[in-house]
Amino acid sequence: MHAAAGPTSAGTDSSLEASVGALYVYPIKSCRGIAVHRTLIGERGLEHDREWMIVDADGRFLTQREVPRLALISVALSASELELGAPGAAPLAMALDAPGPTRSVTVWRDVVPAIDQGDRVAEWLSAWLGRAARLVRFDPKIRRLCNAAYAGGSGAHTGFADGYPLLVLSEASLVDLNGRLANPLPMNRFRPNLVLSGIQAYDEDHIDQVHVGRIALKLVKPCIRCQITTTDQLTAEVGIEPLPTLALYRHNAQLEGVAFGMNAIILAGAGAAISIGERAICRLKF
């Protein structure tokens, strides 16, 4: 199987018709995600996505890049609670809107105020990770702006995601990658929010906007993949693939890395629901 040279799925000359194949929310940055059938979308992405983050004693964010064991922390959401679980640890539940003091935290180059979630969850995390750690919640009053070089003057902002509200990937792109690998990988290695069905491999590279009902998303930047893709999300074991294989055919010289999936911002529809199976009209960039 070979990568598509350009968009070739059924549709008009300027659009493709797809559907919502899967939706994933990652409430705590770099911890296990949740597959959902239906969720709301806000200005910062899917509801509760990367709303919480684990930080070290200095307030700097922790991810699977340094702490692969974060993959083993499971997260469950109810209408009022966030529950954490991990192998060998008693589950811990806390209120979604737990109050707390404001503390300054760092995520990449951004320093933002966040709401500390208290000593009880900090002790749980520190004991299980074997290092000082605290949980913070993104302050909804804060606007952490996306890079204007890609988001333009849209005013797009995000929570504790690396840089953009959503990551969009097609099912076909993973099928194509797995056709090149000795051992196929599951979708959870790539941590997308929105998976598109019904288009061909790498069609997402050429999509400008995705429209699902009254929701409009703009795909603004290729996602450059890091070593988290080499971490088994069920065992936290770190391997090598898929980065060497992606480097053979997905190297992006401008961004100096391997691209797989597209970062997206929300243009319209904040507050609306999105569901698996919905029709997605994809406008092309050319």
C-alpha atoms as a PDB file:
ATOM      1  CA  MET A   1       0.000   0.000   0.000  1.00  0.00           C
ATOM      2  CA  HIS A   2       1.294   3.431  -0.894  1.00  0.00           C
ATOM      3  CA  ALA A   3       0.538   6.909   0.355  1.00  0.00           C
ATOM      4  CA  ALA A   4      -1.952   8.878  -1.666  1.00  0.00           C
ATOM      5  CA  ALA A   5      -0.329  11.586  -3.739  1.00  0.00           C
ATOM      6  CA  GLY A   6      -3.334  13.821  -3.130  1.00  0.00           C
ATOM      7  CA  PRO A   7      -7.003  13.696  -2.201  1.00  0.00           C
ATOM      8  CA  THR A   8      -8.783  11.119  -4.318  1.00  0.00           C
ATOM      9  CA  SER A   9     -11.864  10.216  -2.276  1.00  0.00           C
ATOM     10  CA  ALA A  10     -15.361  10.704  -3.641  1.00  0.00           C
ATOM     11  CA  GLY A  11     -16.562  14.287  -3.608  1.00  0.00           C
ATOM     12  CA  THR A  12     -16.545  17.479  -5.637  1.00  0.00           C
ATOM     13  CA  ASP A  13     -13.413  19.029  -7.055  1.00  0.00           C
ATOM     14  CA  SER A  14     -13.078  21.153  -3.921  1.00  0.00           C
ATOM     15  CA  SER A  15     -14.350  18.885  -1.162  1.00  0.00           C
ATOM     16  CA  LEU A  16     -14.375  15.355   0.207  1.00  0.00           C
ATOM     17  CA  GLU A  17     -17.172  13.622   2.037  1.00  0.00           C
ATOM     18  CA  ALA A  18     -16.146  11.719   5.158  1.00  0.00           C
ATOM     19  CA  SER A  19     -17.671  10.704   8.463  1.00  0.00           C
ATOM     20  CA  VAL A  20     -16.666  10.903  12.108  1.00  0.00           C
ATOM     21  CA  GLY A  21     -15.024   7.538  12.702  1.00  0.00           C
ATOM     22  CA  ALA A  22     -13.882   7.977  16.311  1.00  0.00           C
ATOM     23  CA  LEU A  23     -13.612  10.598  19.053  1.00  0.00           C
ATOM     24  CA  TYR A  24     -11.069  10.598  21.874  1.00  0.00           C
ATOM     25  CA  VAL A  25     -10.768  12.826  24.924  1.00  0.00           C
ATOM     26  CA  TYR A  26      -7.611  13.025  27.069  1.00  0.00           C
ATOM     27  CA  PRO A  27      -8.746  14.741  30.282  1.00  0.00           C
ATOM     28  CA  ILE A  28      -5.296  14.677  31.917  1.00  0.00           C
ATOM     29  CA  LYS A  29      -2.469  15.598  29.590  1.00  0.00           C
ATOM     30  CA  SER A  30      -0.337  12.554  28.705  1.00  0.00           C
ATOM     31  CA  CYS A  31      -2.509  10.086  30.649  1.00  0.00           C
ATOM     32  CA  ARG A  32      -4.798   7.473  29.112  1.00  0.00           C
ATOM     33  CA  GLY A  33      -7.525   8.710  26.800  1.00  0.00           C
ATOM     34  CA  ILE A  34     -11.236   7.941  26.666  1.00  0.00           C
ATOM     35  CA  ALA A  35     -13.083   6.860  23.520  1.00  0.00           C
ATOM     36  CA  VAL A  36     -16.454   8.615  23.437  1.00  0.00           C
ATOM     37  CA  HIS A  37     -19.460   8.215  21.147  1.00  0.00           C
ATOM     38  CA  ARG A  38     -20.679  11.788  21.571  1.00  0.00           C
ATOM     39  CA  THR A  39     -19.263  14.870  23.212  1.00  0.00           C
ATOM     40  CA  LEU A  40     -19.475  18.632  23.174  1.00  0.00           C
ATOM     41  CA  ILE A  41     -16.941  20.838  21.482  1.00  0.00           C
ATOM     42  CA  GLY A  42     -15.789  24.144  22.905  1.00  0.00           C
ATOM     43  CA  GLU A  43     -13.372  26.870  21.896  1.00  0.00           C
ATOM     44  CA  ARG A  44     -10.504  24.857  23.426  1.00  0.00           C
ATOM     45  CA  GLY A  45     -11.492  21.560  21.774  1.00  0.00           C
ATOM     46  CA  LEU A  46     -13.502  18.556  22.935  1.00  0.00           C
ATOM     47  CA  GLU A  47     -15.112  18.923  26.347  1.00  0.00           C
ATOM     48  CA  HIS A  48     -12.601  18.283  29.178  1.00  0.00           C
ATOM     49  CA  ASP A  49      -9.761  17.503  26.744  1.00  0.00           C
ATOM     50  CA  ARG A  50      -6.394  18.327  28.387  1.00  0.00           C
ATOM     51  CA  GLU A  51      -8.245  20.267  31.075  1.00  0.00           C
ATOM     52  CA  TRP A  52      -5.897  18.826  33.726  1.00  0.00           C
ATOM     53  CA  MET A  53      -2.128  18.424  33.741  1.00  0.00           C
ATOM     54  CA  ILE A  54       0.457  16.831  36.016  1.00  0.00           C
ATOM     55  CA  VAL A  55       3.360  19.061  36.992  1.00  0.00           C
ATOM     56  CA  ASP A  56       6.605  18.545  38.903  1.00  0.00           C
ATOM     57  CA  ALA A  57       7.731  20.352  42.056  1.00  0.00           C
ATOM     58  CA  ASP A  58       8.701  23.384  39.966  1.00  0.00           C
ATOM     59  CA  GLY A  59       5.337  23.558  38.210  1.00  0.00           C
ATOM     60  CA  ARG A  60       6.670  22.254  34.894  1.00  0.00           C
ATOM     61  CA  PHE A  61       4.477  19.881  32.922  1.00  0.00           C
ATOM     62  CA  LEU A  62       5.202  16.150  32.906  1.00  0.00           C
ATOM     63  CA  THR A  63       4.481  13.962  29.880  1.00  0.00           C
ATOM     64  CA  GLN A  64       5.165  10.455  28.659  1.00  0.00           C
ATOM     65  CA  ARG A  65       8.318  11.795  27.024  1.00  0.00           C
ATOM     66  CA  GLU A  66      10.016  11.802  30.440  1.00  0.00           C
ATOM     67  CA  VAL A  67       7.604   9.578  32.374  1.00  0.00           C
ATOM     68  CA  PRO A  68       6.214   6.744  30.203  1.00  0.00           C
ATOM     69  CA  ARG A  69       4.304   5.405  33.247  1.00  0.00           C
ATOM     70  CA  LEU A  70       1.783   8.197  32.755  1.00  0.00           C
ATOM     71  CA  ALA A  71       0.281   6.000  30.033  1.00  0.00           C
ATOM     72  CA  LEU A  72      -0.897   3.630  32.775  1.00  0.00           C
ATOM     73  CA  ILE A  73      -2.966   6.249  34.609  1.00  0.00           C
ATOM     74  CA  SER A  74      -6.565   5.724  33.547  1.00  0.00           C
ATOM     75  CA  VAL A  75      -9.136   8.466  33.687  1.00  0.00           C
ATOM     76  CA  ALA A  76     -12.931   8.241  33.933  1.00  0.00           C
ATOM     77  CA  LEU A  77     -15.424  11.086  33.735  1.00  0.00           C
ATOM     78  CA  SER A  78     -18.910  11.382  35.163  1.00  0.00           C
ATOM     79  CA  ALA A  79     -21.237  14.357  35.242  1.00  0.00           C
ATOM     80  CA  SER A  80     -19.585  15.640  38.410  1.00  0.00           C
ATOM     81  CA  GLU A  81     -16.344  13.716  39.007  1.00  0.00           C
ATOM     82  CA  LEU A  82     -12.963  12.858  37.562  1.00  0.00           C
ATOM     83  CA  GLU A  83     -11.629   9.484  38.692  1.00  0.00           C
ATOM     84  CA  LEU A  84      -7.989   8.390  38.423  1.00  0.00           C
ATOM     85  CA  GLY A  85      -6.800   4.810  38.462  1.00  0.00           C
ATOM     86  CA  ALA A  86      -3.461   3.022  38.114  1.00  0.00           C
ATOM     87  CA  PRO A  87      -2.168  -0.543  38.527  1.00  0.00           C
ATOM     88  CA  GLY A  88      -1.794  -1.376  42.215  1.00  0.00           C
ATOM     89  CA  ALA A  89      -3.325   1.889  43.409  1.00  0.00           C
ATOM     90  CA  ALA A  90      -6.754   2.509  44.879  1.00  0.00           C
ATOM     91  CA  PRO A  91      -8.844   4.713  42.571  1.00  0.00           C
ATOM     92  CA  LEU A  92      -9.184   8.348  43.496  1.00  0.00           C
ATOM     93  CA  ALA A  93     -12.213  10.510  42.659  1.00  0.00           C
ATOM     94  CA  MET A  94     -12.411  14.276  42.749  1.00  0.00           C
ATOM     95  CA  ALA A  95     -14.894  16.952  41.708  1.00  0.00           C
ATOM     96  CA  LEU A  96     -14.639  18.207  38.139  1.00  0.00           C
ATOM     97  CA  ASP A  97     -14.660  21.790  39.365  1.00  0.00           C
ATOM     98  CA  ALA A  98     -12.553  21.279  42.495  1.00  0.00           C
ATOM     99  CA  PRO A  99     -11.476  24.685  43.800  1.00  0.00           C
ATOM    100  CA  GLY A 100      -7.937  25.419  44.841  1.00  0.00           C
ATOM    101  CA  PRO A 101      -5.225  28.040  44.978  1.00  0.00           C
ATOM    102  CA  THR A 102      -3.816  29.434  41.783  1.00  0.00           C
ATOM    103  CA  ARG A 103      -0.253  28.477  40.927  1.00  0.00           C
ATOM    104  CA  SER A 104       1.980  29.306  37.987  1.00  0.00           C
ATOM    105  CA  VAL A 105       2.718  26.349  35.700  1.00  0.00           C
ATOM    106  CA  THR A 106       4.784  25.872  32.560  1.00  0.00           C
ATOM    107  CA  VAL A 107       3.664  24.010  29.454  1.00  0.00           C
ATOM    108  CA  TRP A 108       6.297  24.223  26.726  1.00  0.00           C
ATOM    109  CA  ARG A 109       7.182  27.945  26.485  1.00  0.00           C
ATOM    110  CA  ASP A 110       3.959  29.159  28.055  1.00  0.00           C
ATOM    111  CA  VAL A 111       3.664  30.108  31.714  1.00  0.00           C
ATOM    112  CA  VAL A 112       0.027  30.273  32.811  1.00  0.00           C
ATOM    113  CA  PRO A 113      -1.900  30.374  36.075  1.00  0.00           C
ATOM    114  CA  ALA A 114      -3.689  27.111  36.892  1.00  0.00           C
ATOM    115  CA  ILE A 115      -5.901  25.789  39.685  1.00  0.00           C
ATOM    116  CA  ASP A 116      -4.084  23.422  42.038  1.00  0.00           C
ATOM    117  CA  GLN A 117      -6.191  20.328  42.762  1.00  0.00           C
ATOM    118  CA  GLY A 118      -4.989  19.747  46.304  1.00  0.00           C
ATOM    119  CA  ASP A 119      -2.754  17.576  48.434  1.00  0.00           C
ATOM    120  CA  ARG A 120      -4.841  14.392  48.283  1.00  0.00           C
ATOM    121  CA  VAL A 121      -4.405  13.866  44.536  1.00  0.00           C
ATOM    122  CA  ALA A 122      -0.819  15.191  44.716  1.00  0.00           C
ATOM    123  CA  GLU A 123       0.048  12.509  47.284  1.00  0.00           C
ATOM    124  CA  TRP A 124      -1.639   9.825  45.142  1.00  0.00           C
ATOM    125  CA  LEU A 125       0.308  10.860  42.038  1.00  0.00           C
ATOM    126  CA  SER A 126       3.617  11.311  43.850  1.00  0.00           C
ATOM    127  CA  ALA A 127       3.380   7.888  45.490  1.00  0.00           C
ATOM    128  CA  TRP A 128       2.564   6.114  42.257  1.00  0.00           C
ATOM    129  CA  LEU A 129       5.057   7.982  40.059  1.00  0.00           C
ATOM    130  CA  GLY A 130       7.837   7.897  42.650  1.00  0.00           C
ATOM    131  CA  ARG A 131       8.496  11.613  42.321  1.00  0.00           C
ATOM    132  CA  ALA A 132       6.937  14.865  43.451  1.00  0.00           C
ATOM    133  CA  ALA A 133       3.903  15.642  41.324  1.00  0.00           C
ATOM    134  CA  ARG A 134       0.761  17.733  41.517  1.00  0.00           C
ATOM    135  CA  LEU A 135      -2.400  17.951  39.451  1.00  0.00           C
ATOM    136  CA  VAL A 136      -3.605  21.295  38.141  1.00  0.00           C
ATOM    137  CA  ARG A 137      -6.715  22.310  36.234  1.00  0.00           C
ATOM    138  CA  PHE A 138      -6.738  24.821  33.406  1.00  0.00           C
ATOM    139  CA  ASP A 139      -8.230  28.117  34.500  1.00  0.00           C
ATOM    140  CA  PRO A 140     -11.238  28.703  32.189  1.00  0.00           C
ATOM    141  CA  LYS A 141     -10.713  32.456  32.418  1.00  0.00           C
ATOM    142  CA  ILE A 142      -7.302  32.163  30.733  1.00  0.00           C
ATOM    143  CA  ARG A 143      -6.729  32.333  26.988  1.00  0.00           C
ATOM    144  CA  ARG A 144      -3.619  30.385  25.960  1.00  0.00           C
ATOM    145  CA  LEU A 145      -3.358  31.491  22.347  1.00  0.00           C
ATOM    146  CA  CYS A 146      -2.295  29.192  19.532  1.00  0.00           C
ATOM    147  CA  ASN A 147       0.704  30.123  17.412  1.00  0.00           C
ATOM    148  CA  ALA A 148      -0.427  32.976  15.149  1.00  0.00           C
ATOM    149  CA  ALA A 149       1.988  31.783  12.456  1.00  0.00           C
ATOM    150  CA  TYR A 150      -0.498  28.963  11.857  1.00  0.00           C
ATOM    151  CA  ALA A 151      -3.727  30.106  13.504  1.00  0.00           C
ATOM    152  CA  GLY A 152      -3.499  33.595  12.022  1.00  0.00           C
ATOM    153  CA  GLY A 153      -5.720  36.215  13.574  1.00  0.00           C
ATOM    154  CA  SER A 154      -8.409  33.682  14.483  1.00  0.00           C
ATOM    155  CA  GLY A 155      -7.907  34.140  18.219  1.00  0.00           C
ATOM    156  CA  ALA A 156      -7.824  30.351  18.568  1.00  0.00           C
ATOM    157  CA  HIS A 157      -6.754  29.172  21.988  1.00  0.00           C
ATOM    158  CA  THR A 158      -6.218  25.891  23.763  1.00  0.00           C
ATOM    159  CA  GLY A 159      -5.930  24.372  27.221  1.00  0.00           C
ATOM    160  CA  PHE A 160      -3.031  22.120  28.168  1.00  0.00           C
ATOM    161  CA  ALA A 161      -2.752  20.541  24.697  1.00  0.00           C
ATOM    162  CA  ASP A 162       0.691  20.953  23.165  1.00  0.00           C
ATOM    163  CA  GLY A 163      -0.401  23.812  20.936  1.00  0.00           C
ATOM    164  CA  TYR A 164      -3.798  23.434  19.273  1.00  0.00           C
ATOM    165  CA  PRO A 165      -7.329  22.426  20.320  1.00  0.00           C
ATOM    166  CA  LEU A 166      -7.661  19.286  18.167  1.00  0.00           C
ATOM    167  CA  LEU A 167      -5.635  16.615  16.413  1.00  0.00           C
ATOM    168  CA  VAL A 168      -7.257  15.155  13.309  1.00  0.00           C
ATOM    169  CA  LEU A 169      -6.189  11.865  11.689  1.00  0.00           C
ATOM    170  CA  SER A 170      -7.778   9.545   9.144  1.00  0.00           C
ATOM    171  CA  GLU A 171      -8.315   5.833   9.625  1.00  0.00           C
ATOM    172  CA  ALA A 172      -6.745   5.250   6.208  1.00  0.00           C
ATOM    173  CA  SER A 173      -3.464   6.914   7.190  1.00  0.00           C
ATOM    174  CA  LEU A 174      -3.017   4.450  10.046  1.00  0.00           C
ATOM    175  CA  VAL A 175      -3.918   1.546   7.754  1.00  0.00           C
ATOM    176  CA  ASP A 176      -1.257   2.736   5.313  1.00  0.00           C
ATOM    177  CA  LEU A 177       1.370   3.088   8.050  1.00  0.00           C
ATOM    178  CA  ASN A 178       0.546  -0.344   9.456  1.00  0.00           C
ATOM    179  CA  GLY A 179       1.027  -1.820   5.990  1.00  0.00           C
ATOM    180  CA  ARG A 180       4.655  -0.708   6.250  1.00  0.00           C
ATOM    181  CA  LEU A 181       5.288  -1.993   9.795  1.00  0.00           C
ATOM    182  CA  ALA A 182       6.196  -5.529  10.878  1.00  0.00           C
ATOM    183  CA  ASN A 183       3.881  -5.115  13.889  1.00  0.00           C
ATOM    184  CA  PRO A 184       0.764  -2.971  13.389  1.00  0.00           C
ATOM    185  CA  LEU A 185       0.065  -0.236  15.917  1.00  0.00           C
ATOM    186  CA  PRO A 186      -3.273   0.826  17.405  1.00  0.00           C
ATOM    187  CA  MET A 187      -4.737   4.295  17.022  1.00  0.00           C
ATOM    188  CA  ASN A 188      -3.975   5.132  20.663  1.00  0.00           C
ATOM    189  CA  ARG A 189      -0.262   5.503  19.836  1.00  0.00           C
ATOM    190  CA  PHE A 190      -1.126   8.732  17.997  1.00  0.00           C
ATOM    191  CA  ARG A 191      -3.623  10.242  20.455  1.00  0.00           C
ATOM    192  CA  PRO A 192      -5.977  11.915  17.960  1.00  0.00           C
ATOM    193  CA  ASN A 193      -9.162  13.701  18.990  1.00  0.00           C
ATOM    194  CA  LEU A 194     -11.069  13.280  15.728  1.00  0.00           C
ATOM    195  CA  VAL A 195     -10.623  10.306  13.414  1.00  0.00           C
ATOM    196  CA  LEU A 196     -12.079  10.657   9.928  1.00  0.00           C
ATOM    197  CA  SER A 197     -13.483   7.680   8.034  1.00  0.00           C
ATOM    198  CA  GLY A 198     -14.192   7.427   4.331  1.00  0.00           C
ATOM    199  CA  ILE A 199     -11.192   9.297   2.938  1.00  0.00           C
ATOM    200  CA  GLN A 200      -7.893   7.940   1.673  1.00  0.00           C
ATOM    201  CA  ALA A 201      -4.537   7.887   3.378  1.00  0.00           C
ATOM    202  CA  TYR A 202      -3.098  11.356   4.024  1.00  0.00           C
ATOM    203  CA  ASP A 203      -6.064  13.171   2.490  1.00  0.00           C
ATOM    204  CA  GLU A 204      -6.067  15.151   5.738  1.00  0.00           C
ATOM    205  CA  ASP A 205      -2.820  16.796   4.568  1.00  0.00           C
ATOM    206  CA  HIS A 206      -4.842  18.587   1.890  1.00  0.00           C
ATOM    207  CA  ILE A 207      -7.935  19.534   3.903  1.00  0.00           C
ATOM    208  CA  ASP A 208      -8.503  23.178   4.794  1.00  0.00           C
ATOM    209  CA  GLN A 209     -11.750  22.869   6.783  1.00  0.00           C
ATOM    210  CA  VAL A 210     -13.929  20.098   8.215  1.00  0.00           C
ATOM    211  CA  HIS A 211     -17.644  20.800   8.685  1.00  0.00           C
ATOM    212  CA  VAL A 212     -19.734  18.560  10.938  1.00  0.00           C
ATOM    213  CA  GLY A 213     -23.218  20.037  11.341  1.00  0.00           C
ATOM    214  CA  ARG A 214     -22.674  23.601  12.538  1.00  0.00           C
ATOM    215  CA  ILE A 215     -19.132  22.822  13.712  1.00  0.00           C
ATOM    216  CA  ALA A 216     -16.325  24.152  11.509  1.00  0.00           C
ATOM    217  CA  LEU A 217     -12.707  23.166  12.064  1.00  0.00           C
ATOM    218  CA  LYS A 218      -9.658  24.517  10.258  1.00  0.00           C
ATOM    219  CA  LEU A 219      -6.619  22.262   9.834  1.00  0.00           C
ATOM    220  CA  VAL A 220      -3.672  24.577  10.333  1.00  0.00           C
ATOM    221  CA  LYS A 221      -0.449  22.648  10.917  1.00  0.00           C
ATOM    222  CA  PRO A 222       0.975  19.158  10.375  1.00  0.00           C
ATOM    223  CA  CYS A 223       1.521  17.310  13.652  1.00  0.00           C
ATOM    224  CA  ILE A 224       5.205  16.497  14.127  1.00  0.00           C
ATOM    225  CA  ARG A 225       5.442  13.253  16.046  1.00  0.00           C
ATOM    226  CA  CYS A 226       7.596  12.617  19.100  1.00  0.00           C
ATOM    227  CA  GLN A 227       8.728   9.582  21.077  1.00  0.00           C
ATOM    228  CA  ILE A 228       5.329   9.194  22.756  1.00  0.00           C
ATOM    229  CA  THR A 229       4.310   7.312  19.609  1.00  0.00           C
ATOM    230  CA  THR A 230       6.887   4.654  20.540  1.00  0.00           C
ATOM    231  CA  THR A 231       5.295   4.010  23.951  1.00  0.00           C
ATOM    232  CA  ASP A 232       2.811   1.152  24.310  1.00  0.00           C
ATOM    233  CA  GLN A 233      -0.224   2.826  25.871  1.00  0.00           C
ATOM    234  CA  LEU A 234      -1.281  -0.374  27.664  1.00  0.00           C
ATOM    235  CA  THR A 235       2.072  -1.385  29.148  1.00  0.00           C
ATOM    236  CA  ALA A 236       4.178   1.833  29.090  1.00  0.00           C
ATOM    237  CA  GLU A 237       6.970  -0.125  27.386  1.00  0.00           C
ATOM    238  CA  VAL A 238       9.014   2.068  25.030  1.00  0.00           C
ATOM    239  CA  GLY A 239      10.047   0.722  21.629  1.00  0.00           C
ATOM    240  CA  ILE A 240      11.362   2.205  18.394  1.00  0.00           C
ATOM    241  CA  GLU A 241       8.567   2.248  15.850  1.00  0.00           C
ATOM    242  CA  PRO A 242       6.836   4.029  14.227  1.00  0.00           C
ATOM    243  CA  LEU A 243       9.312   6.919  13.955  1.00  0.00           C
ATOM    244  CA  PRO A 244      11.955   5.198  11.763  1.00  0.00           C
ATOM    245  CA  THR A 245       9.304   4.032   9.304  1.00  0.00           C
ATOM    246  CA  LEU A 246       7.540   7.382   9.227  1.00  0.00           C
ATOM    247  CA  ALA A 247      10.890   9.058   8.564  1.00  0.00           C
ATOM    248  CA  LEU A 248      11.176   7.097   5.314  1.00  0.00           C
ATOM    249  CA  TYR A 249       8.169   8.767   3.727  1.00  0.00           C
ATOM    250  CA  ARG A 250       6.643  11.403   6.022  1.00  0.00           C
ATOM    251  CA  HIS A 251       9.584  13.724   6.715  1.00  0.00           C
ATOM    252  CA  ASN A 252       8.571  17.371   6.741  1.00  0.00           C
ATOM    253  CA  ALA A 253      11.667  19.411   5.900  1.00  0.00           C
ATOM    254  CA  GLN A 254      10.096  22.746   6.862  1.00  0.00           C
ATOM    255  CA  LEU A 255       9.128  21.538  10.341  1.00  0.00           C
ATOM    256  CA  GLU A 256      12.157  19.248  10.684  1.00  0.00           C
ATOM    257  CA  GLY A 257      10.307  16.123  11.764  1.00  0.00           C
ATOM    258  CA  VAL A 258       7.911  13.395  10.710  1.00  0.00           C
ATOM    259  CA  ALA A 259       4.312  14.471  10.200  1.00  0.00           C
ATOM    260  CA  PHE A 260       1.302  12.275  10.915  1.00  0.00           C
ATOM    261  CA  GLY A 261      -2.072  13.951  11.411  1.00  0.00           C
ATOM    262  CA  MET A 262      -3.086  17.600  11.406  1.00  0.00           C
ATOM    263  CA  ASN A 263      -3.558  20.113  14.185  1.00  0.00           C
ATOM    264  CA  ALA A 264      -6.872  21.972  14.013  1.00  0.00           C
ATOM    265  CA  ILE A 265      -8.615  24.996  15.498  1.00  0.00           C
ATOM    266  CA  ILE A 266     -12.319  25.687  15.965  1.00  0.00           C
ATOM    267  CA  LEU A 267     -13.809  28.285  13.623  1.00  0.00           C
ATOM    268  CA  ALA A 268     -17.482  27.838  14.535  1.00  0.00           C
ATOM    269  CA  GLY A 269     -19.848  25.674  16.534  1.00  0.00           C
ATOM    270  CA  ALA A 270     -18.492  25.973  20.075  1.00  0.00           C
ATOM    271  CA  GLY A 271     -21.122  24.487  22.362  1.00  0.00           C
ATOM    272  CA  ALA A 272     -22.414  22.035  19.769  1.00  0.00           C
ATOM    273  CA  ALA A 273     -22.231  18.252  20.047  1.00  0.00           C
ATOM    274  CA  ILE A 274     -20.289  15.957  17.750  1.00  0.00           C
ATOM    275  CA  SER A 275     -21.020  12.229  17.386  1.00  0.00           C
ATOM    276  CA  ILE A 276     -19.506   9.172  15.753  1.00  0.00           C
ATOM    277  CA  GLY A 277     -21.112   8.489  12.393  1.00  0.00           C
ATOM    278  CA  GLU A 278     -21.914  12.094  11.561  1.00  0.00           C
ATOM    279  CA  ARG A 279     -21.255  13.339   8.060  1.00  0.00           C
ATOM    280  CA  ALA A 280     -18.096  15.425   7.710  1.00  0.00           C
ATOM    281  CA  ILE A 281     -17.650  17.654   4.684  1.00  0.00           C
ATOM    282  CA  CYS A 282     -13.980  18.386   4.100  1.00  0.00           C
ATOM    283  CA  ARG A 283     -13.049  21.440   2.038  1.00  0.00           C
ATOM    284  CA  LEU A 284      -9.725  21.152   0.294  1.00  0.00           C
ATOM    285  CA  LYS A 285      -6.899  23.669   0.315  1.00  0.00           C
ATOM    286  CA  PHE A 286      -6.826  23.808  -3.468  1.00  0.00           C
END
